[in-house]
Amino acid sequence: MNKDWEDRVSAAWATFDDYPEERAADFRAVIDALVAELPQDSPLGPFEQACAWDSTGHSDKAVPLYREALALGLSGYKGRRAKIQLSSSLRNIGQAEEGVKLLTPELDEPSDELDDAVRATLALCLSSLGRDREGLSLVLGALAPHLPRYQRSMANYARALVEPEG
């Protein structure tokens, strides 16, 4: 879509905190009005609607919309965001295993600013499945580069949590 539309979507999201829980439907209506401007087969429509449902506490309604956006070809940065958010929503509705399957390949994708979000969300999915050591390893590995000291130690500890003892 064009920059004007993207700017208006960003402006709408900038007002999200102005909508208390009892006005969540009003916020979703703002997003729906913007989505109505898009071609029917645009993956941006279901993505933005999924985000709106998700952000207003309705993971169950967001999941099919994230799936639709990805099926319509949402890729790049927003595609990665959709995978992260879909995985989180799947976890919220009791389908953490599917979230793990969706996010695990993202660990091998080219690095970007969403890397830590991938690891954090994957860690939550793993924890929901009782795989806490794997989740903790991911979180420590993501945290290590941000520490002012102990980066090497924390990275080594993260690896040791999941390496077989020998």
N, C-alpha and C. Protein backbone atom coordinates (compact mmCIF):
# COMPACT_ATOMS: atom_id res chain seq x y z
N MET A 1 0.85 -1.18 0.00
CA MET A 1 0.00 0.00 0.00
C MET A 1 0.89 1.23 0.00
N ASN A 2 0.30 2.39 -0.15
CA ASN A 2 1.10 3.61 -0.23
C ASN A 2 1.48 4.14 1.15
N LYS A 3 2.43 5.06 1.15
CA LYS A 3 2.96 5.60 2.40
C LYS A 3 1.87 6.33 3.19
N ASP A 4 0.97 7.01 2.51
CA ASP A 4 -0.10 7.72 3.20
C ASP A 4 -0.93 6.74 4.03
N TRP A 5 -1.29 5.60 3.44
CA TRP A 5 -2.08 4.60 4.17
C TRP A 5 -1.29 4.08 5.36
N GLU A 6 -0.03 3.75 5.13
CA GLU A 6 0.83 3.25 6.22
C GLU A 6 0.93 4.29 7.34
N ASP A 7 1.07 5.56 6.97
CA ASP A 7 1.16 6.63 7.97
C ASP A 7 -0.13 6.73 8.78
N ARG A 8 -1.27 6.58 8.10
CA ARG A 8 -2.55 6.64 8.81
C ARG A 8 -2.74 5.44 9.74
N VAL A 9 -2.26 4.27 9.31
CA VAL A 9 -2.32 3.09 10.19
C VAL A 9 -1.43 3.32 11.41
N SER A 10 -0.23 3.82 11.18
CA SER A 10 0.68 4.12 12.30
C SER A 10 0.06 5.13 13.25
N ALA A 11 -0.60 6.15 12.69
CA ALA A 11 -1.26 7.16 13.52
C ALA A 11 -2.40 6.54 14.34
N ALA A 12 -3.13 5.62 13.73
CA ALA A 12 -4.21 4.95 14.46
C ALA A 12 -3.63 4.15 15.62
N TRP A 13 -2.57 3.41 15.37
CA TRP A 13 -1.95 2.62 16.43
C TRP A 13 -1.36 3.51 17.52
N ALA A 14 -0.93 4.70 17.16
CA ALA A 14 -0.39 5.63 18.16
C ALA A 14 -1.47 6.09 19.14
N THR A 15 -2.74 5.94 18.76
CA THR A 15 -3.84 6.33 19.65
C THR A 15 -4.40 5.14 20.44
N PHE A 16 -3.81 3.97 20.27
CA PHE A 16 -4.37 2.76 20.89
C PHE A 16 -4.61 2.93 22.39
N ASP A 17 -3.67 3.54 23.10
CA ASP A 17 -3.82 3.69 24.55
C ASP A 17 -4.93 4.67 24.94
N ASP A 18 -5.44 5.39 23.96
CA ASP A 18 -6.56 6.30 24.24
C ASP A 18 -7.90 5.56 24.32
N TYR A 19 -7.88 4.28 23.99
CA TYR A 19 -9.10 3.48 23.99
C TYR A 19 -9.10 2.54 25.19
N PRO A 20 -9.89 2.86 26.22
CA PRO A 20 -9.97 1.93 27.35
C PRO A 20 -10.63 0.63 26.91
N GLU A 21 -10.52 -0.37 27.72
CA GLU A 21 -11.03 -1.70 27.38
C GLU A 21 -12.48 -1.67 26.90
N GLU A 22 -13.30 -0.85 27.54
CA GLU A 22 -14.71 -0.82 27.14
C GLU A 22 -14.93 -0.17 25.78
N ARG A 23 -13.89 0.45 25.22
CA ARG A 23 -13.99 1.05 23.88
C ARG A 23 -13.12 0.31 22.87
N ALA A 24 -12.75 -0.90 23.16
CA ALA A 24 -11.91 -1.68 22.26
C ALA A 24 -12.54 -1.83 20.88
N ALA A 25 -13.85 -2.00 20.85
CA ALA A 25 -14.55 -2.14 19.56
C ALA A 25 -14.41 -0.87 18.72
N ASP A 26 -14.35 0.28 19.37
CA ASP A 26 -14.16 1.54 18.64
C ASP A 26 -12.80 1.56 17.96
N PHE A 27 -11.78 1.08 18.68
CA PHE A 27 -10.44 1.04 18.06
C PHE A 27 -10.44 0.08 16.87
N ARG A 28 -11.02 -1.10 17.05
CA ARG A 28 -11.07 -2.05 15.95
C ARG A 28 -11.82 -1.47 14.75
N ALA A 29 -12.83 -0.65 14.99
CA ALA A 29 -13.57 -0.02 13.90
C ALA A 29 -12.68 0.95 13.12
N VAL A 30 -11.78 1.64 13.82
CA VAL A 30 -10.83 2.54 13.15
C VAL A 30 -9.95 1.72 12.21
N ILE A 31 -9.46 0.60 12.70
CA ILE A 31 -8.60 -0.27 11.87
C ILE A 31 -9.42 -0.85 10.71
N ASP A 32 -10.63 -1.29 10.99
CA ASP A 32 -11.48 -1.84 9.93
C ASP A 32 -11.73 -0.82 8.82
N ALA A 33 -11.91 0.44 9.18
CA ALA A 33 -12.14 1.48 8.18
C ALA A 33 -10.91 1.65 7.28
N LEU A 34 -9.74 1.57 7.87
CA LEU A 34 -8.52 1.66 7.07
C LEU A 34 -8.36 0.44 6.18
N VAL A 35 -8.66 -0.72 6.72
CA VAL A 35 -8.56 -1.97 5.95
C VAL A 35 -9.53 -1.95 4.77
N ALA A 36 -10.67 -1.33 4.94
CA ALA A 36 -11.67 -1.27 3.87
C ALA A 36 -11.15 -0.55 2.62
N GLU A 37 -10.10 0.23 2.79
CA GLU A 37 -9.50 0.94 1.65
C GLU A 37 -8.60 0.05 0.81
N LEU A 38 -8.25 -1.11 1.33
CA LEU A 38 -7.30 -2.00 0.66
C LEU A 38 -7.99 -2.90 -0.36
N PRO A 39 -7.24 -3.37 -1.34
CA PRO A 39 -7.78 -4.42 -2.21
C PRO A 39 -8.11 -5.66 -1.37
N GLN A 40 -9.12 -6.39 -1.77
CA GLN A 40 -9.59 -7.55 -0.99
C GLN A 40 -8.49 -8.59 -0.75
N ASP A 41 -7.56 -8.74 -1.70
CA ASP A 41 -6.53 -9.78 -1.56
C ASP A 41 -5.25 -9.27 -0.92
N SER A 42 -5.28 -8.08 -0.33
CA SER A 42 -4.10 -7.55 0.33
C SER A 42 -3.87 -8.26 1.67
N PRO A 43 -2.66 -8.75 1.91
CA PRO A 43 -2.38 -9.39 3.19
C PRO A 43 -2.32 -8.39 4.35
N LEU A 44 -2.20 -7.11 4.03
CA LEU A 44 -2.14 -6.10 5.09
C LEU A 44 -3.46 -5.98 5.85
N GLY A 45 -4.56 -6.20 5.18
CA GLY A 45 -5.87 -6.10 5.83
C GLY A 45 -6.02 -7.08 6.98
N PRO A 46 -5.94 -8.37 6.69
CA PRO A 46 -6.10 -9.32 7.80
C PRO A 46 -5.00 -9.18 8.86
N PHE A 47 -3.81 -8.76 8.44
CA PHE A 47 -2.75 -8.56 9.42
C PHE A 47 -3.13 -7.45 10.41
N GLU A 48 -3.54 -6.31 9.90
CA GLU A 48 -3.89 -5.20 10.79
C GLU A 48 -5.10 -5.55 11.65
N GLN A 49 -6.07 -6.25 11.08
CA GLN A 49 -7.23 -6.66 11.87
C GLN A 49 -6.83 -7.67 12.95
N ALA A 50 -5.94 -8.58 12.61
CA ALA A 50 -5.46 -9.54 13.61
C ALA A 50 -4.77 -8.81 14.75
N CYS A 51 -3.94 -7.85 14.41
CA CYS A 51 -3.25 -7.07 15.44
C CYS A 51 -4.25 -6.37 16.35
N ALA A 52 -5.30 -5.82 15.75
CA ALA A 52 -6.31 -5.10 16.54
C ALA A 52 -7.06 -6.06 17.47
N TRP A 53 -7.46 -7.21 16.96
CA TRP A 53 -8.13 -8.19 17.82
C TRP A 53 -7.19 -8.66 18.93
N ASP A 54 -5.95 -8.97 18.54
CA ASP A 54 -4.97 -9.45 19.50
C ASP A 54 -4.71 -8.42 20.60
N SER A 55 -4.52 -7.19 20.20
CA SER A 55 -4.19 -6.13 21.15
C SER A 55 -5.36 -5.79 22.07
N THR A 56 -6.55 -6.18 21.69
CA THR A 56 -7.72 -5.93 22.53
C THR A 56 -8.18 -7.20 23.25
N GLY A 57 -7.26 -8.18 23.34
CA GLY A 57 -7.51 -9.35 24.18
C GLY A 57 -8.27 -10.49 23.55
N HIS A 58 -8.24 -10.60 22.23
CA HIS A 58 -9.00 -11.65 21.56
C HIS A 58 -8.10 -12.48 20.65
N SER A 59 -7.20 -13.22 21.26
CA SER A 59 -6.29 -14.07 20.49
C SER A 59 -7.04 -15.03 19.59
N ASP A 60 -8.17 -15.53 20.08
CA ASP A 60 -8.94 -16.51 19.30
C ASP A 60 -9.43 -15.93 17.98
N LYS A 61 -9.77 -14.66 17.95
CA LYS A 61 -10.22 -14.02 16.71
C LYS A 61 -9.03 -13.59 15.85
N ALA A 62 -7.88 -13.37 16.47
CA ALA A 62 -6.69 -12.94 15.75
C ALA A 62 -6.06 -14.09 14.95
N VAL A 63 -6.06 -15.28 15.50
CA VAL A 63 -5.38 -16.41 14.87
C VAL A 63 -5.77 -16.63 13.41
N PRO A 64 -7.06 -16.75 13.09
CA PRO A 64 -7.40 -16.99 11.68
C PRO A 64 -7.00 -15.81 10.77
N LEU A 65 -7.00 -14.62 11.30
CA LEU A 65 -6.62 -13.46 10.49
C LEU A 65 -5.12 -13.43 10.23
N TYR A 66 -4.31 -13.77 11.24
CA TYR A 66 -2.86 -13.89 11.00
C TYR A 66 -2.59 -14.96 9.94
N ARG A 67 -3.28 -16.08 10.08
CA ARG A 67 -3.10 -17.16 9.10
C ARG A 67 -3.47 -16.70 7.69
N GLU A 68 -4.56 -15.97 7.59
CA GLU A 68 -4.98 -15.46 6.29
C GLU A 68 -3.93 -14.51 5.70
N ALA A 69 -3.43 -13.62 6.53
CA ALA A 69 -2.41 -12.66 6.05
C ALA A 69 -1.18 -13.39 5.52
N LEU A 70 -0.74 -14.40 6.24
CA LEU A 70 0.43 -15.17 5.80
C LEU A 70 0.10 -15.95 4.52
N ALA A 71 -1.09 -16.53 4.47
CA ALA A 71 -1.49 -17.27 3.27
C ALA A 71 -1.59 -16.36 2.05
N LEU A 72 -1.93 -15.10 2.26
CA LEU A 72 -2.02 -14.13 1.16
C LEU A 72 -0.64 -13.59 0.76
N GLY A 73 0.39 -14.03 1.46
CA GLY A 73 1.74 -13.65 1.06
C GLY A 73 2.42 -12.58 1.89
N LEU A 74 1.90 -12.28 3.07
CA LEU A 74 2.57 -11.30 3.92
C LEU A 74 3.98 -11.81 4.20
N SER A 75 4.96 -10.97 3.92
CA SER A 75 6.35 -11.41 4.07
C SER A 75 7.18 -10.26 4.62
N GLY A 76 8.47 -10.46 4.66
CA GLY A 76 9.36 -9.43 5.15
C GLY A 76 9.13 -9.16 6.62
N TYR A 77 9.34 -7.93 6.99
CA TYR A 77 9.25 -7.51 8.39
C TYR A 77 7.86 -7.79 8.97
N LYS A 78 6.81 -7.40 8.25
CA LYS A 78 5.46 -7.63 8.75
C LYS A 78 5.11 -9.10 8.77
N GLY A 79 5.65 -9.87 7.83
CA GLY A 79 5.45 -11.31 7.86
C GLY A 79 6.07 -11.93 9.10
N ARG A 80 7.24 -11.44 9.45
CA ARG A 80 7.90 -11.96 10.66
C ARG A 80 7.11 -11.54 11.90
N ARG A 81 6.64 -10.31 11.91
CA ARG A 81 5.79 -9.88 13.02
C ARG A 81 4.55 -10.76 13.12
N ALA A 82 3.94 -11.07 11.99
CA ALA A 82 2.74 -11.92 12.01
C ALA A 82 3.05 -13.29 12.60
N LYS A 83 4.19 -13.85 12.27
CA LYS A 83 4.56 -15.16 12.82
C LYS A 83 4.77 -15.08 14.32
N ILE A 84 5.42 -14.04 14.79
CA ILE A 84 5.64 -13.85 16.23
C ILE A 84 4.29 -13.72 16.94
N GLN A 85 3.46 -12.84 16.41
CA GLN A 85 2.17 -12.57 17.06
C GLN A 85 1.23 -13.76 16.95
N LEU A 86 1.25 -14.47 15.83
CA LEU A 86 0.44 -15.67 15.69
C LEU A 86 0.89 -16.72 16.70
N SER A 87 2.18 -16.90 16.85
CA SER A 87 2.68 -17.87 17.82
C SER A 87 2.25 -17.52 19.23
N SER A 88 2.31 -16.26 19.57
CA SER A 88 1.87 -15.82 20.90
C SER A 88 0.38 -16.08 21.08
N SER A 89 -0.40 -15.77 20.07
CA SER A 89 -1.85 -16.01 20.15
C SER A 89 -2.16 -17.49 20.24
N LEU A 90 -1.44 -18.30 19.48
CA LEU A 90 -1.63 -19.75 19.56
C LEU A 90 -1.36 -20.24 20.97
N ARG A 91 -0.31 -19.74 21.57
CA ARG A 91 0.01 -20.10 22.96
C ARG A 91 -1.14 -19.71 23.87
N ASN A 92 -1.68 -18.52 23.66
CA ASN A 92 -2.77 -18.02 24.51
C ASN A 92 -4.02 -18.88 24.41
N ILE A 93 -4.21 -19.54 23.29
CA ILE A 93 -5.43 -20.37 23.13
C ILE A 93 -5.11 -21.86 23.29
N GLY A 94 -3.96 -22.16 23.86
CA GLY A 94 -3.63 -23.55 24.18
C GLY A 94 -3.01 -24.35 23.06
N GLN A 95 -2.45 -23.68 22.06
CA GLN A 95 -1.82 -24.37 20.94
C GLN A 95 -0.34 -24.00 20.83
N ALA A 96 0.36 -24.08 21.97
CA ALA A 96 1.76 -23.67 22.01
C ALA A 96 2.65 -24.50 21.09
N GLU A 97 2.33 -25.77 20.91
CA GLU A 97 3.15 -26.62 20.04
C GLU A 97 3.19 -26.06 18.61
N GLU A 98 2.03 -25.60 18.13
CA GLU A 98 1.99 -25.00 16.80
C GLU A 98 2.82 -23.72 16.76
N GLY A 99 2.80 -22.96 17.86
CA GLY A 99 3.63 -21.76 17.95
C GLY A 99 5.11 -22.09 17.87
N VAL A 100 5.53 -23.17 18.52
CA VAL A 100 6.93 -23.60 18.45
C VAL A 100 7.30 -23.97 17.02
N LYS A 101 6.42 -24.72 16.35
CA LYS A 101 6.69 -25.12 14.96
C LYS A 101 6.78 -23.92 14.03
N LEU A 102 5.98 -22.92 14.28
CA LEU A 102 5.98 -21.73 13.44
C LEU A 102 7.22 -20.86 13.66
N LEU A 103 7.65 -20.74 14.92
CA LEU A 103 8.75 -19.82 15.23
C LEU A 103 10.14 -20.44 15.15
N THR A 104 10.27 -21.73 15.35
CA THR A 104 11.60 -22.34 15.35
C THR A 104 12.38 -22.04 14.07
N PRO A 105 11.78 -22.12 12.88
CA PRO A 105 12.55 -21.78 11.68
C PRO A 105 13.01 -20.31 11.65
N GLU A 106 12.33 -19.45 12.38
CA GLU A 106 12.72 -18.04 12.41
C GLU A 106 14.08 -17.83 13.07
N LEU A 107 14.52 -18.80 13.87
CA LEU A 107 15.84 -18.69 14.50
C LEU A 107 16.95 -18.71 13.46
N ASP A 108 16.69 -19.29 12.30
CA ASP A 108 17.69 -19.39 11.24
C ASP A 108 17.55 -18.32 10.17
N GLU A 109 16.58 -17.43 10.32
CA GLU A 109 16.37 -16.36 9.34
C GLU A 109 17.41 -15.26 9.55
N PRO A 110 17.62 -14.43 8.52
CA PRO A 110 18.56 -13.33 8.68
C PRO A 110 18.18 -12.46 9.89
N SER A 111 19.18 -12.00 10.59
CA SER A 111 18.97 -11.23 11.81
C SER A 111 18.33 -9.88 11.52
N ASP A 112 17.43 -9.47 12.43
CA ASP A 112 16.86 -8.13 12.37
C ASP A 112 16.44 -7.74 13.79
N GLU A 113 15.79 -6.62 13.91
CA GLU A 113 15.42 -6.11 15.23
C GLU A 113 14.36 -6.96 15.93
N LEU A 114 13.78 -7.92 15.23
CA LEU A 114 12.76 -8.79 15.83
C LEU A 114 13.33 -10.08 16.42
N ASP A 115 14.64 -10.27 16.31
CA ASP A 115 15.25 -11.50 16.81
C ASP A 115 14.90 -11.79 18.27
N ASP A 116 15.01 -10.78 19.13
CA ASP A 116 14.73 -11.00 20.55
C ASP A 116 13.26 -11.32 20.78
N ALA A 117 12.37 -10.71 20.00
CA ALA A 117 10.94 -11.02 20.13
C ALA A 117 10.66 -12.45 19.71
N VAL A 118 11.35 -12.92 18.66
CA VAL A 118 11.21 -14.31 18.24
C VAL A 118 11.60 -15.22 19.39
N ARG A 119 12.76 -14.96 19.98
CA ARG A 119 13.24 -15.82 21.05
C ARG A 119 12.36 -15.75 22.30
N ALA A 120 11.92 -14.56 22.66
CA ALA A 120 11.07 -14.42 23.84
C ALA A 120 9.74 -15.16 23.66
N THR A 121 9.13 -15.00 22.50
CA THR A 121 7.84 -15.66 22.24
C THR A 121 8.01 -17.16 22.14
N LEU A 122 9.08 -17.59 21.49
CA LEU A 122 9.35 -19.02 21.41
C LEU A 122 9.61 -19.58 22.81
N ALA A 123 10.31 -18.83 23.65
CA ALA A 123 10.56 -19.27 25.03
C ALA A 123 9.25 -19.44 25.79
N LEU A 124 8.32 -18.52 25.61
CA LEU A 124 7.02 -18.65 26.27
C LEU A 124 6.27 -19.89 25.78
N CYS A 125 6.30 -20.12 24.48
CA CYS A 125 5.65 -21.32 23.94
C CYS A 125 6.29 -22.58 24.51
N LEU A 126 7.61 -22.62 24.55
CA LEU A 126 8.31 -23.78 25.10
C LEU A 126 7.95 -23.98 26.57
N SER A 127 7.89 -22.90 27.33
CA SER A 127 7.54 -22.99 28.74
C SER A 127 6.13 -23.55 28.92
N SER A 128 5.22 -23.12 28.06
CA SER A 128 3.84 -23.64 28.14
C SER A 128 3.79 -25.14 27.89
N LEU A 129 4.81 -25.65 27.22
CA LEU A 129 4.88 -27.09 26.93
C LEU A 129 5.75 -27.83 27.95
N GLY A 130 6.16 -27.14 29.01
CA GLY A 130 7.00 -27.76 30.04
C GLY A 130 8.46 -27.88 29.63
N ARG A 131 8.87 -27.14 28.64
CA ARG A 131 10.26 -27.19 28.15
C ARG A 131 10.99 -25.93 28.60
N ASP A 132 11.00 -25.73 29.93
CA ASP A 132 11.53 -24.51 30.51
C ASP A 132 13.03 -24.30 30.26
N ARG A 133 13.82 -25.38 30.30
CA ARG A 133 15.26 -25.21 30.08
C ARG A 133 15.54 -24.67 28.68
N GLU A 134 14.83 -25.17 27.69
CA GLU A 134 15.01 -24.66 26.33
C GLU A 134 14.60 -23.19 26.24
N GLY A 135 13.50 -22.87 26.89
CA GLY A 135 13.03 -21.49 26.88
C GLY A 135 14.01 -20.56 27.58
N LEU A 136 14.50 -20.98 28.74
CA LEU A 136 15.48 -20.17 29.47
C LEU A 136 16.75 -19.99 28.65
N SER A 137 17.16 -21.03 27.96
CA SER A 137 18.34 -20.93 27.10
C SER A 137 18.15 -19.87 26.03
N LEU A 138 16.99 -19.85 25.41
CA LEU A 138 16.70 -18.84 24.38
C LEU A 138 16.73 -17.43 24.96
N VAL A 139 16.11 -17.26 26.13
CA VAL A 139 16.04 -15.94 26.74
C VAL A 139 17.43 -15.47 27.16
N LEU A 140 18.21 -16.33 27.77
CA LEU A 140 19.58 -15.94 28.15
C LEU A 140 20.42 -15.61 26.93
N GLY A 141 20.26 -16.41 25.88
CA GLY A 141 21.00 -16.14 24.65
C GLY A 141 20.61 -14.81 24.03
N ALA A 142 19.35 -14.44 24.13
CA ALA A 142 18.89 -13.16 23.60
C ALA A 142 19.36 -12.00 24.49
N LEU A 143 19.40 -12.23 25.78
CA LEU A 143 19.79 -11.18 26.72
C LEU A 143 21.29 -10.92 26.70
N ALA A 144 22.09 -11.94 26.54
CA ALA A 144 23.54 -11.83 26.68
C ALA A 144 24.15 -10.66 25.90
N PRO A 145 23.84 -10.46 24.63
CA PRO A 145 24.48 -9.36 23.90
C PRO A 145 24.15 -7.96 24.44
N HIS A 146 23.09 -7.85 25.21
CA HIS A 146 22.66 -6.54 25.72
C HIS A 146 23.30 -6.20 27.07
N LEU A 147 23.97 -7.15 27.68
CA LEU A 147 24.55 -6.92 29.00
C LEU A 147 25.84 -6.09 28.89
N PRO A 148 26.09 -5.24 29.88
CA PRO A 148 27.33 -4.45 29.84
C PRO A 148 28.57 -5.30 30.12
N ARG A 149 28.38 -6.43 30.78
CA ARG A 149 29.45 -7.38 31.07
C ARG A 149 28.85 -8.78 31.07
N TYR A 150 29.69 -9.77 31.09
CA TYR A 150 29.28 -11.18 31.21
C TYR A 150 28.61 -11.75 29.97
N GLN A 151 28.79 -11.10 28.84
CA GLN A 151 28.14 -11.59 27.63
C GLN A 151 28.58 -13.02 27.30
N ARG A 152 29.87 -13.27 27.33
CA ARG A 152 30.37 -14.60 26.98
C ARG A 152 29.88 -15.65 27.97
N SER A 153 29.93 -15.32 29.25
CA SER A 153 29.48 -16.27 30.28
C SER A 153 28.00 -16.62 30.09
N MET A 154 27.17 -15.61 29.91
CA MET A 154 25.74 -15.87 29.76
C MET A 154 25.45 -16.66 28.49
N ALA A 155 26.15 -16.35 27.41
CA ALA A 155 25.97 -17.11 26.18
C ALA A 155 26.37 -18.57 26.39
N ASN A 156 27.45 -18.79 27.12
CA ASN A 156 27.88 -20.17 27.41
C ASN A 156 26.87 -20.88 28.32
N TYR A 157 26.36 -20.18 29.31
CA TYR A 157 25.35 -20.78 30.19
C TYR A 157 24.09 -21.13 29.39
N ALA A 158 23.72 -20.27 28.48
CA ALA A 158 22.54 -20.53 27.64
C ALA A 158 22.73 -21.81 26.85
N ARG A 159 23.90 -21.97 26.23
CA ARG A 159 24.17 -23.20 25.47
C ARG A 159 24.19 -24.43 26.37
N ALA A 160 24.79 -24.29 27.55
CA ALA A 160 24.91 -25.42 28.46
C ALA A 160 23.53 -25.94 28.93
N LEU A 161 22.54 -25.07 28.96
CA LEU A 161 21.21 -25.50 29.39
C LEU A 161 20.59 -26.54 28.44
N VAL A 162 20.99 -26.52 27.21
CA VAL A 162 20.37 -27.41 26.23
C VAL A 162 21.32 -28.44 25.63
N GLU A 163 22.62 -28.31 25.92
CA GLU A 163 23.57 -29.30 25.39
C GLU A 163 23.51 -30.56 26.24
N PRO A 164 23.63 -31.70 25.59
CA PRO A 164 23.64 -32.93 26.37
C PRO A 164 24.87 -32.97 27.28
N GLU A 165 24.64 -33.48 28.47
CA GLU A 165 25.76 -33.61 29.42
C GLU A 165 26.65 -34.75 28.95
N GLY A 166 27.94 -34.52 29.08
CA GLY A 166 28.81 -35.57 28.61
C GLY A 166 30.12 -35.45 29.12
